[in-house]
Amino acid sequence: MDKSSTSQRGIRPRRNDFLKNPSRRVESPTSPHQVGTTPNRAAGYSGKSVRLKTEVLDKDDLAKVELFRFDPEVDSEPRYSIFNVPYRGYTVMNVLSYIYENLDSTFAFRWACGKGFCRSCVVSVNGKPVLACMEPASNDMKIEPHPKFKVIKDLIIDFDRLK
């Protein structure tokens, strides 16, 4: 047995062994909440990219999303934009990414880990505070910033300042 591919005990491979031997790499299965998503950090966007589906979508496959919009530098009052987006198999975060990448690139929201650890994607969906990365999308959603925090822009809130 080659010592470079095993640890001192000779049972477990070293952490960086997969770099030396690509055949040992193990690809993790895609979670059902990440179907159709890929990282898109090269474009300066830290969210997830939701690819357009090539098949024709039926009206039953589209969700009506009322999205809170507010930029204190421009707007005097908050407003809502309405979008029809695919939602089956998506999380709320996937829906927000779809809107950003395909319908309105001026929309602002926060995303970091995508696994519910960081809690930076907290929003209110139909009046209920949820983590956008963990909450399954539904066919009729009203998405607003968390009500306890001051709004910086759109769904981005200031975690240091309570209302």
Protein backbone atom coordinates (compact mmCIF):
# COMPACT_ATOMS: atom_id res chain seq x y z
CA MET A 1 0.00 0.00 0.00
CA ASP A 2 1.32 3.43 -0.94
CA LYS A 3 1.99 5.58 2.15
CA SER A 4 1.21 8.81 0.26
CA SER A 5 -2.45 7.83 -0.10
CA THR A 6 -3.07 6.71 3.47
CA SER A 7 -2.86 8.28 6.91
CA GLN A 8 -0.56 7.11 9.71
CA ARG A 9 -2.95 4.32 10.68
CA GLY A 10 -3.15 3.14 7.10
CA ILE A 11 -6.95 3.08 6.90
CA ARG A 12 -8.25 6.51 5.93
CA PRO A 13 -7.11 8.56 2.94
CA ARG A 14 -5.68 11.99 3.60
CA ARG A 15 -7.93 15.00 3.11
CA ASN A 16 -6.10 16.20 -0.01
CA ASP A 17 -5.67 12.70 -1.49
CA PHE A 18 -8.44 13.35 -4.02
CA LEU A 19 -6.33 16.15 -5.51
CA LYS A 20 -3.55 13.70 -6.33
CA ASN A 21 -5.87 10.91 -7.44
CA PRO A 22 -8.99 12.25 -9.25
CA SER A 23 -10.50 8.77 -9.50
CA ARG A 24 -11.07 8.83 -5.72
CA ARG A 25 -13.35 11.88 -5.85
CA VAL A 26 -16.87 11.32 -4.63
CA GLU A 27 -19.52 13.55 -6.09
CA SER A 28 -22.35 14.36 -3.69
CA PRO A 29 -25.87 13.85 -5.03
CA THR A 30 -27.83 16.97 -5.85
CA SER A 31 -30.40 17.79 -3.19
CA PRO A 32 -34.00 18.14 -4.42
CA HIS A 33 -33.92 21.82 -3.42
CA GLN A 34 -30.96 22.54 -5.72
CA VAL A 35 -32.25 21.04 -8.95
CA GLY A 36 -31.36 23.32 -11.85
CA THR A 37 -28.92 25.49 -9.91
CA THR A 38 -25.23 26.18 -10.35
CA PRO A 39 -22.88 28.64 -8.63
CA ASN A 40 -22.44 31.88 -10.56
CA ARG A 41 -19.75 33.71 -8.61
CA ALA A 42 -17.76 34.70 -11.71
CA ALA A 43 -20.42 37.24 -12.61
CA GLY A 44 -20.11 38.93 -9.22
CA TYR A 45 -23.35 37.44 -7.96
CA SER A 46 -23.11 35.29 -4.84
CA GLY A 47 -26.52 33.65 -5.20
CA LYS A 48 -27.54 30.57 -7.07
CA SER A 49 -28.23 30.52 -10.76
CA VAL A 50 -31.55 29.04 -11.82
CA ARG A 51 -31.42 27.86 -15.41
CA LEU A 52 -34.33 28.46 -17.72
CA LYS A 53 -36.18 25.29 -18.55
CA THR A 54 -36.47 24.56 -22.24
CA GLU A 55 -39.94 23.01 -22.13
CA VAL A 56 -43.05 25.18 -22.35
CA LEU A 57 -44.50 25.88 -18.92
CA ASP A 58 -48.22 25.62 -18.24
CA LYS A 59 -50.02 28.22 -16.09
CA ASP A 60 -50.22 25.61 -13.32
CA ASP A 61 -46.42 25.45 -13.28
CA LEU A 62 -46.07 29.19 -12.59
CA ALA A 63 -46.34 30.89 -9.22
CA LYS A 64 -47.60 34.41 -8.68
CA VAL A 65 -44.99 36.21 -6.58
CA GLU A 66 -45.60 39.63 -5.01
CA LEU A 67 -42.15 40.97 -4.25
CA PHE A 68 -41.45 43.82 -1.81
CA ARG A 69 -39.41 46.59 -3.43
CA PHE A 70 -37.96 49.59 -1.62
CA ASP A 71 -34.82 51.64 -2.18
CA PRO A 72 -34.65 54.46 0.40
CA GLU A 73 -32.39 56.52 -1.88
CA VAL A 74 -34.99 56.53 -4.67
CA ASP A 75 -38.41 55.53 -3.32
CA SER A 76 -40.51 57.42 -0.79
CA GLU A 77 -42.88 54.47 -0.20
CA PRO A 78 -42.47 50.69 -0.51
CA ARG A 79 -44.10 49.03 -3.52
CA TYR A 80 -44.70 45.50 -4.78
CA SER A 81 -43.73 43.98 -8.11
CA ILE A 82 -45.65 40.98 -9.40
CA PHE A 83 -43.90 38.14 -11.24
CA ASN A 84 -45.01 34.79 -12.63
CA VAL A 85 -42.21 32.29 -12.14
CA PRO A 86 -41.71 28.50 -12.12
CA TYR A 87 -41.83 27.10 -8.59
CA ARG A 88 -42.16 23.29 -8.62
CA GLY A 89 -39.13 21.75 -6.91
CA TYR A 90 -37.70 25.20 -6.06
CA THR A 91 -37.03 26.89 -2.75
CA VAL A 92 -37.93 30.53 -2.15
CA MET A 93 -34.23 31.31 -2.72
CA ASN A 94 -34.35 29.62 -6.14
CA VAL A 95 -37.41 31.74 -7.02
CA LEU A 96 -35.62 34.93 -5.92
CA SER A 97 -32.57 33.94 -7.98
CA TYR A 98 -34.79 33.23 -10.99
CA ILE A 99 -36.36 36.69 -10.71
CA TYR A 100 -32.94 38.34 -10.36
CA GLU A 101 -31.33 36.54 -13.27
CA ASN A 102 -34.21 36.38 -15.75
CA LEU A 103 -36.73 39.11 -14.97
CA ASP A 104 -35.34 42.01 -12.90
CA SER A 105 -31.62 42.41 -12.24
CA THR A 106 -32.15 45.54 -10.10
CA PHE A 107 -33.72 43.44 -7.35
CA ALA A 108 -31.57 43.04 -4.18
CA PHE A 109 -31.54 40.19 -1.68
CA ARG A 110 -29.01 38.50 0.59
CA TRP A 111 -27.65 34.96 0.21
CA ALA A 112 -24.67 33.23 1.81
CA CYS A 113 -24.60 29.52 2.65
CA GLY A 114 -27.74 28.03 1.08
CA LYS A 115 -28.00 25.44 3.86
CA GLY A 116 -29.74 27.34 6.67
CA PHE A 117 -26.66 27.85 8.86
CA CYS A 118 -25.97 31.56 8.38
CA ARG A 119 -29.57 32.82 8.63
CA SER A 120 -28.76 35.73 6.30
CA CYS A 121 -31.60 34.91 3.89
CA VAL A 122 -34.41 35.38 6.42
CA VAL A 123 -37.53 36.82 4.76
CA SER A 124 -41.25 36.87 5.41
CA VAL A 125 -43.32 34.69 3.07
CA ASN A 126 -47.08 35.24 3.33
CA GLY A 127 -46.52 36.88 6.72
CA LYS A 128 -44.43 34.01 8.17
CA PRO A 129 -40.67 34.50 8.85
CA VAL A 130 -38.69 31.77 7.03
CA LEU A 131 -35.22 31.05 5.68
CA ALA A 132 -35.47 31.48 1.91
CA CYS A 133 -32.89 28.75 1.29
CA MET A 134 -34.89 26.15 3.23
CA GLU A 135 -38.54 27.05 2.53
CA PRO A 136 -40.18 25.26 -0.43
CA ALA A 137 -41.81 27.64 -2.91
CA SER A 138 -45.59 27.66 -3.21
CA ASN A 139 -47.88 28.76 -6.01
CA ASP A 140 -48.90 32.09 -4.41
CA MET A 141 -46.29 34.00 -2.42
CA LYS A 142 -45.96 37.48 -0.99
CA ILE A 143 -42.27 37.93 -0.14
CA GLU A 144 -41.25 40.75 2.19
CA PRO A 145 -38.24 41.54 4.40
CA HIS A 146 -38.31 40.28 7.99
CA PRO A 147 -40.60 42.68 9.89
CA LYS A 148 -38.33 43.15 12.94
CA PHE A 149 -35.38 44.70 11.08
CA LYS A 150 -34.78 47.97 9.25
CA VAL A 151 -34.78 47.65 5.44
CA ILE A 152 -31.60 48.64 3.61
CA LYS A 153 -32.90 47.85 0.10
CA ASP A 154 -35.60 45.46 -1.17
CA LEU A 155 -35.15 42.26 0.91
CA ILE A 156 -31.79 43.24 2.42
CA ILE A 157 -32.15 44.07 6.11
CA ASP A 158 -29.82 45.58 8.71
CA PHE A 159 -29.24 42.86 11.32
CA ASP A 160 -27.73 45.39 13.73
CA ARG A 161 -30.80 47.63 13.86
CA LEU A 162 -34.21 46.53 15.06
CA LYS A 163 -37.25 48.61 14.16
